[in-house]
């Protein structure tokens, strides 16, 4: 019965129940930032890898093309 009485509190995330001084809110914000940084790093790595492949392919084609 106690859980059903506090259902709103149980379902609310720290961002929905904003309490700026709460350590849970700070941890949730930090976790979101870490995920954004990780996604950016992985995406940047994939783009960099594709650009390197494209440059290598272009260089290979230029070396093997008869003049």
PDB file of N, CA and C in Angstrom:
ATOM      1  N   UNK A   1       0.813  -1.188   0.000  1.00  0.00           N
ATOM      2  CA  UNK A   1       0.000   0.000   0.000  1.00  0.00           C
ATOM      3  C   UNK A   1       0.859   1.255   0.000  1.00  0.00           C
ATOM      4  N   UNK A   2       1.980   1.196   0.660  1.00  0.00           N
ATOM      5  CA  UNK A   2       2.840   2.374   0.722  1.00  0.00           C
ATOM      6  C   UNK A   2       3.349   2.728  -0.665  1.00  0.00           C
ATOM      7  N   UNK A   3       3.698   1.732  -1.476  1.00  0.00           N
ATOM      8  CA  UNK A   3       4.186   1.998  -2.820  1.00  0.00           C
ATOM      9  C   UNK A   3       3.113   2.634  -3.694  1.00  0.00           C
ATOM     10  N   UNK A   4       1.880   2.183  -3.560  1.00  0.00           N
ATOM     11  CA  UNK A   4       0.808   2.752  -4.362  1.00  0.00           C
ATOM     12  C   UNK A   4       0.511   4.188  -3.964  1.00  0.00           C
ATOM     13  N   UNK A   5       0.702   4.521  -2.714  1.00  0.00           N
ATOM     14  CA  UNK A   5       0.476   5.890  -2.254  1.00  0.00           C
ATOM     15  C   UNK A   5       1.524   6.848  -2.786  1.00  0.00           C
ATOM     16  N   UNK A   6       2.734   6.350  -3.017  1.00  0.00           N
ATOM     17  CA  UNK A   6       3.834   7.189  -3.509  1.00  0.00           C
ATOM     18  C   UNK A   6       4.127   6.929  -4.981  1.00  0.00           C
ATOM     19  N   UNK A   7       3.135   6.540  -5.745  1.00  0.00           N
ATOM     20  CA  UNK A   7       3.347   6.179  -7.138  1.00  0.00           C
ATOM     21  C   UNK A   7       3.904   7.332  -7.956  1.00  0.00           C
ATOM     22  N   UNK A   8       3.441   8.542  -7.705  1.00  0.00           N
ATOM     23  CA  UNK A   8       3.945   9.701  -8.449  1.00  0.00           C
ATOM     24  C   UNK A   8       5.430   9.899  -8.200  1.00  0.00           C
ATOM     25  N   UNK A   9       5.852   9.724  -6.969  1.00  0.00           N
ATOM     26  CA  UNK A   9       7.260   9.874  -6.622  1.00  0.00           C
ATOM     27  C   UNK A   9       8.090   8.763  -7.258  1.00  0.00           C
ATOM     28  N   UNK A  10       7.566   7.568  -7.317  1.00  0.00           N
ATOM     29  CA  UNK A  10       8.309   6.446  -7.883  1.00  0.00           C
ATOM     30  C   UNK A  10       8.478   6.563  -9.387  1.00  0.00           C
ATOM     31  N   UNK A  11       7.515   7.139 -10.072  1.00  0.00           N
ATOM     32  CA  UNK A  11       7.562   7.217 -11.531  1.00  0.00           C
ATOM     33  C   UNK A  11       8.288   8.453 -12.042  1.00  0.00           C
ATOM     34  N   UNK A  12       8.502   9.425 -11.214  1.00  0.00           N
ATOM     35  CA  UNK A  12       9.117  10.671 -11.666  1.00  0.00           C
ATOM     36  C   UNK A  12      10.634  10.528 -11.703  1.00  0.00           C
ATOM     37  N   UNK A  13      11.228  10.943 -12.814  1.00  0.00           N
ATOM     38  CA  UNK A  13      12.685  10.937 -12.931  1.00  0.00           C
ATOM     39  C   UNK A  13      13.222  12.224 -12.299  1.00  0.00           C
ATOM     40  N   UNK A  14      14.523  12.321 -12.057  1.00  0.00           N
ATOM     41  CA  UNK A  14      15.080  13.526 -11.434  1.00  0.00           C
ATOM     42  C   UNK A  14      14.851  14.781 -12.268  1.00  0.00           C
ATOM     43  N   UNK A  15      14.812  14.633 -13.589  1.00  0.00           N
ATOM     44  CA  UNK A  15      14.586  15.808 -14.428  1.00  0.00           C
ATOM     45  C   UNK A  15      13.150  16.305 -14.306  1.00  0.00           C
ATOM     46  N   UNK A  16      12.211  15.380 -14.107  1.00  0.00           N
ATOM     47  CA  UNK A  16      10.802  15.771 -13.959  1.00  0.00           C
ATOM     48  C   UNK A  16      10.544  16.390 -12.597  1.00  0.00           C
ATOM     49  N   UNK A  17      11.172  15.847 -11.573  1.00  0.00           N
ATOM     50  CA  UNK A  17      11.046  16.397 -10.226  1.00  0.00           C
ATOM     51  C   UNK A  17      12.309  17.195  -9.953  1.00  0.00           C
ATOM     52  N   UNK A  18      12.483  18.291 -10.611  1.00  0.00           N
ATOM     53  CA  UNK A  18      13.740  19.029 -10.543  1.00  0.00           C
ATOM     54  C   UNK A  18      14.018  19.519  -9.132  1.00  0.00           C
ATOM     55  N   UNK A  19      15.112  19.041  -8.597  1.00  0.00           N
ATOM     56  CA  UNK A  19      15.631  19.522  -7.323  1.00  0.00           C
ATOM     57  C   UNK A  19      17.118  19.729  -7.555  1.00  0.00           C
ATOM     58  N   UNK A  20      17.505  20.943  -7.827  1.00  0.00           N
ATOM     59  CA  UNK A  20      18.875  21.252  -8.222  1.00  0.00           C
ATOM     60  C   UNK A  20      19.939  20.846  -7.228  1.00  0.00           C
ATOM     61  N   UNK A  21      19.594  20.758  -5.963  1.00  0.00           N
ATOM     62  CA  UNK A  21      20.601  20.434  -4.963  1.00  0.00           C
ATOM     63  C   UNK A  21      20.687  18.939  -4.678  1.00  0.00           C
ATOM     64  N   UNK A  22      19.840  18.148  -5.302  1.00  0.00           N
ATOM     65  CA  UNK A  22      19.828  16.712  -5.043  1.00  0.00           C
ATOM     66  C   UNK A  22      21.004  16.020  -5.730  1.00  0.00           C
ATOM     67  N   UNK A  23      21.684  15.132  -5.026  1.00  0.00           N
ATOM     68  CA  UNK A  23      22.784  14.399  -5.661  1.00  0.00           C
ATOM     69  C   UNK A  23      22.287  13.453  -6.762  1.00  0.00           C
ATOM     70  N   UNK A  24      21.042  13.004  -6.670  1.00  0.00           N
ATOM     71  CA  UNK A  24      20.489  12.139  -7.709  1.00  0.00           C
ATOM     72  C   UNK A  24      20.338  12.917  -9.014  1.00  0.00           C
ATOM     73  N   UNK A  25      19.886  14.153  -8.924  1.00  0.00           N
ATOM     74  CA  UNK A  25      19.750  14.996 -10.112  1.00  0.00           C
ATOM     75  C   UNK A  25      21.115  15.271 -10.732  1.00  0.00           C
ATOM     76  N   UNK A  26      22.099  15.571  -9.898  1.00  0.00           N
ATOM     77  CA  UNK A  26      23.453  15.816 -10.399  1.00  0.00           C
ATOM     78  C   UNK A  26      24.019  14.577 -11.079  1.00  0.00           C
ATOM     79  N   UNK A  27      23.791  13.406 -10.477  1.00  0.00           N
ATOM     80  CA  UNK A  27      24.290  12.164 -11.067  1.00  0.00           C
ATOM     81  C   UNK A  27      23.585  11.862 -12.388  1.00  0.00           C
ATOM     82  N   UNK A  28      22.285  12.111 -12.456  1.00  0.00           N
ATOM     83  CA  UNK A  28      21.547  11.871 -13.701  1.00  0.00           C
ATOM     84  C   UNK A  28      22.039  12.808 -14.794  1.00  0.00           C
ATOM     85  N   UNK A  29      22.272  14.070 -14.462  1.00  0.00           N
ATOM     86  CA  UNK A  29      22.779  15.024 -15.455  1.00  0.00           C
ATOM     87  C   UNK A  29      24.178  14.630 -15.923  1.00  0.00           C
ATOM     88  N   UNK A  30      25.010  14.183 -15.016  1.00  0.00           N
ATOM     89  CA  UNK A  30      26.359  13.739 -15.384  1.00  0.00           C
ATOM     90  C   UNK A  30      26.294  12.505 -16.285  1.00  0.00           C
ATOM     91  N   UNK A  31      25.398  11.580 -15.967  1.00  0.00           N
ATOM     92  CA  UNK A  31      25.253  10.380 -16.790  1.00  0.00           C
ATOM     93  C   UNK A  31      24.799  10.739 -18.200  1.00  0.00           C
ATOM     94  N   UNK A  32      23.895  11.689 -18.325  1.00  0.00           N
ATOM     95  CA  UNK A  32      23.443  12.128 -19.645  1.00  0.00           C
ATOM     96  C   UNK A  32      24.597  12.750 -20.412  1.00  0.00           C
ATOM     97  N   UNK A  33      25.390  13.575 -19.756  1.00  0.00           N
ATOM     98  CA  UNK A  33      26.527  14.208 -20.428  1.00  0.00           C
ATOM     99  C   UNK A  33      27.559  13.163 -20.866  1.00  0.00           C
ATOM    100  N   UNK A  34      27.809  12.166 -20.032  1.00  0.00           N
ATOM    101  CA  UNK A  34      28.758  11.101 -20.394  1.00  0.00           C
ATOM    102  C   UNK A  34      28.261  10.347 -21.617  1.00  0.00           C
ATOM    103  N   UNK A  35      26.957  10.058 -21.666  1.00  0.00           N
ATOM    104  CA  UNK A  35      26.404   9.355 -22.826  1.00  0.00           C
ATOM    105  C   UNK A  35      26.514  10.196 -24.097  1.00  0.00           C
ATOM    106  N   UNK A  36      26.277  11.498 -23.978  1.00  0.00           N
ATOM    107  CA  UNK A  36      26.402  12.375 -25.147  1.00  0.00           C
ATOM    108  C   UNK A  36      27.846  12.417 -25.631  1.00  0.00           C
ATOM    109  N   UNK A  37      28.792  12.513 -24.705  1.00  0.00           N
ATOM    110  CA  UNK A  37      30.211  12.535 -25.071  1.00  0.00           C
ATOM    111  C   UNK A  37      30.613  11.214 -25.733  1.00  0.00           C
ATOM    112  N   UNK A  38      30.150  10.089 -25.190  1.00  0.00           N
ATOM    113  CA  UNK A  38      30.488   8.793 -25.771  1.00  0.00           C
ATOM    114  C   UNK A  38      29.908   8.638 -27.178  1.00  0.00           C
ATOM    115  N   UNK A  39      28.667   9.054 -27.357  1.00  0.00           N
ATOM    116  CA  UNK A  39      28.057   8.985 -28.689  1.00  0.00           C
ATOM    117  C   UNK A  39      28.801   9.871 -29.680  1.00  0.00           C
ATOM    118  N   UNK A  40      29.201  11.053 -29.233  1.00  0.00           N
ATOM    119  CA  UNK A  40      29.945  11.960 -30.104  1.00  0.00           C
ATOM    120  C   UNK A  40      31.306  11.373 -30.474  1.00  0.00           C
ATOM    121  N   UNK A  41      31.966  10.764 -29.495  1.00  0.00           N
ATOM    122  CA  UNK A  41      33.282  10.174 -29.761  1.00  0.00           C
ATOM    123  C   UNK A  41      33.168   9.012 -30.742  1.00  0.00           C
ATOM    124  N   UNK A  42      32.197   8.148 -30.551  1.00  0.00           N
ATOM    125  CA  UNK A  42      32.019   7.009 -31.458  1.00  0.00           C
ATOM    126  C   UNK A  42      31.626   7.496 -32.851  1.00  0.00           C
ATOM    127  N   UNK A  43      30.705   8.449 -32.924  1.00  0.00           N
ATOM    128  CA  UNK A  43      30.307   9.005 -34.220  1.00  0.00           C
ATOM    129  C   UNK A  43      31.471   9.677 -34.927  1.00  0.00           C
ATOM    130  N   UNK A  44      32.266  10.430 -34.171  1.00  0.00           N
ATOM    131  CA  UNK A  44      33.449  11.073 -34.756  1.00  0.00           C
ATOM    132  C   UNK A  44      34.461  10.050 -35.246  1.00  0.00           C
ATOM    133  N   UNK A  45      34.618   8.970 -34.497  1.00  0.00           N
ATOM    134  CA  UNK A  45      35.535   7.910 -34.919  1.00  0.00           C
ATOM    135  C   UNK A  45      35.081   7.241 -36.205  1.00  0.00           C
ATOM    136  N   UNK A  46      33.783   7.014 -36.336  1.00  0.00           N
ATOM    137  CA  UNK A  46      33.250   6.389 -37.553  1.00  0.00           C
ATOM    138  C   UNK A  46      33.448   7.322 -38.747  1.00  0.00           C
ATOM    139  N   UNK A  47      33.164   8.599 -38.566  1.00  0.00           N
ATOM    140  CA  UNK A  47      33.346   9.562 -39.658  1.00  0.00           C
ATOM    141  C   UNK A  47      34.815   9.658 -40.042  1.00  0.00           C
ATOM    142  N   UNK A  48      35.703   9.710 -39.056  1.00  0.00           N
ATOM    143  CA  UNK A  48      37.138   9.768 -39.337  1.00  0.00           C
ATOM    144  C   UNK A  48      37.600   8.524 -40.086  1.00  0.00           C
ATOM    145  N   UNK A  49      37.124   7.366 -39.674  1.00  0.00           N
ATOM    146  CA  UNK A  49      37.493   6.125 -40.348  1.00  0.00           C
ATOM    147  C   UNK A  49      37.022   6.125 -41.800  1.00  0.00           C
ATOM    148  N   UNK A  50      35.811   6.566 -42.045  1.00  0.00           N
ATOM    149  CA  UNK A  50      35.288   6.618 -43.418  1.00  0.00           C
ATOM    150  C   UNK A  50      36.085   7.592 -44.281  1.00  0.00           C
ATOM    151  N   UNK A  51      36.456   8.733 -43.708  1.00  0.00           N
ATOM    152  CA  UNK A  51      37.263   9.698 -44.464  1.00  0.00           C
ATOM    153  C   UNK A  51      38.641   9.128 -44.792  1.00  0.00           C
ATOM    154  N   UNK A  52      39.235   8.408 -43.842  1.00  0.00           N
ATOM    155  CA  UNK A  52      40.546   7.794 -44.110  1.00  0.00           C
ATOM    156  C   UNK A  52      40.444   6.731 -45.197  1.00  0.00           C
ATOM    157  N   UNK A  53      39.366   5.930 -45.158  1.00  0.00           N
ATOM    158  CA  UNK A  53      39.162   4.934 -46.205  1.00  0.00           C
ATOM    159  C   UNK A  53      38.992   5.605 -47.562  1.00  0.00           C
ATOM    160  N   UNK A  54      38.235   6.690 -47.601  1.00  0.00           N
ATOM    161  CA  UNK A  54      37.998   7.386 -48.861  1.00  0.00           C
ATOM    162  C   UNK A  54      39.294   7.981 -49.405  1.00  0.00           C
ATOM    163  N   UNK A  55      40.095   8.579 -48.539  1.00  0.00           N
ATOM    164  CA  UNK A  55      41.374   9.150 -48.985  1.00  0.00           C
ATOM    165  C   UNK A  55      42.319   8.052 -49.480  1.00  0.00           C
ATOM    166  N   UNK A  56      42.358   6.936 -48.764  1.00  0.00           N
ATOM    167  CA  UNK A  56      43.222   5.826 -49.178  1.00  0.00           C
ATOM    168  C   UNK A  56      42.788   5.251 -50.512  1.00  0.00           C
ATOM    169  N   UNK A  57      41.492   5.123 -50.720  1.00  0.00           N
ATOM    170  CA  UNK A  57      40.973   4.611 -51.987  1.00  0.00           C
ATOM    171  C   UNK A  57      41.300   5.579 -53.125  1.00  0.00           C
ATOM    172  N   UNK A  58      41.130   6.869 -52.876  1.00  0.00           N
ATOM    173  CA  UNK A  58      41.445   7.868 -53.906  1.00  0.00           C
ATOM    174  C   UNK A  58      42.931   7.827 -54.258  1.00  0.00           C
ATOM    175  N   UNK A  59      43.784   7.718 -53.232  1.00  0.00           N
ATOM    176  CA  UNK A  59      45.235   7.648 -53.476  1.00  0.00           C
ATOM    177  C   UNK A  59      45.589   6.390 -54.252  1.00  0.00           C
ATOM    178  N   UNK A  60      44.963   5.262 -53.908  1.00  0.00           N
ATOM    179  CA  UNK A  60      45.215   4.014 -54.601  1.00  0.00           C
ATOM    180  C   UNK A  60      44.791   4.105 -56.055  1.00  0.00           C
ATOM    181  N   UNK A  61      43.654   4.731 -56.316  1.00  0.00           N
ATOM    182  CA  UNK A  61      43.180   4.887 -57.692  1.00  0.00           C
ATOM    183  C   UNK A  61      44.106   5.797 -58.500  1.00  0.00           C
ATOM    184  N   UNK A  62      44.606   6.860 -57.867  1.00  0.00           N
ATOM    185  CA  UNK A  62      45.520   7.772 -58.576  1.00  0.00           C
ATOM    186  C   UNK A  62      46.830   7.077 -58.913  1.00  0.00           C
ATOM    187  N   UNK A  63      47.325   6.205 -58.029  1.00  0.00           N
ATOM    188  CA  UNK A  63      48.588   5.508 -58.271  1.00  0.00           C
ATOM    189  C   UNK A  63      48.429   4.456 -59.367  1.00  0.00           C
ATOM    190  N   UNK A  64      47.277   3.832 -59.488  1.00  0.00           N
ATOM    191  CA  UNK A  64      47.081   2.739 -60.439  1.00  0.00           C
ATOM    192  C   UNK A  64      46.446   3.167 -61.745  1.00  0.00           C
ATOM    193  N   UNK A  65      46.123   4.440 -61.893  1.00  0.00           N
ATOM    194  CA  UNK A  65      45.524   4.920 -63.125  1.00  0.00           C
ATOM    195  C   UNK A  65      46.642   5.259 -64.122  1.00  0.00           C
ATOM    196  N   UNK A  66      46.564   4.707 -65.324  1.00  0.00           N
ATOM    197  CA  UNK A  66      47.612   5.039 -66.307  1.00  0.00           C
ATOM    198  C   UNK A  66      47.466   6.495 -66.766  1.00  0.00           C
ATOM    199  N   UNK A  67      48.600   7.149 -66.951  1.00  0.00           N
ATOM    200  CA  UNK A  67      48.603   8.557 -67.356  1.00  0.00           C
ATOM    201  C   UNK A  67      48.481   8.707 -68.846  1.00  0.00           C
TER     202      UNK A  67
END
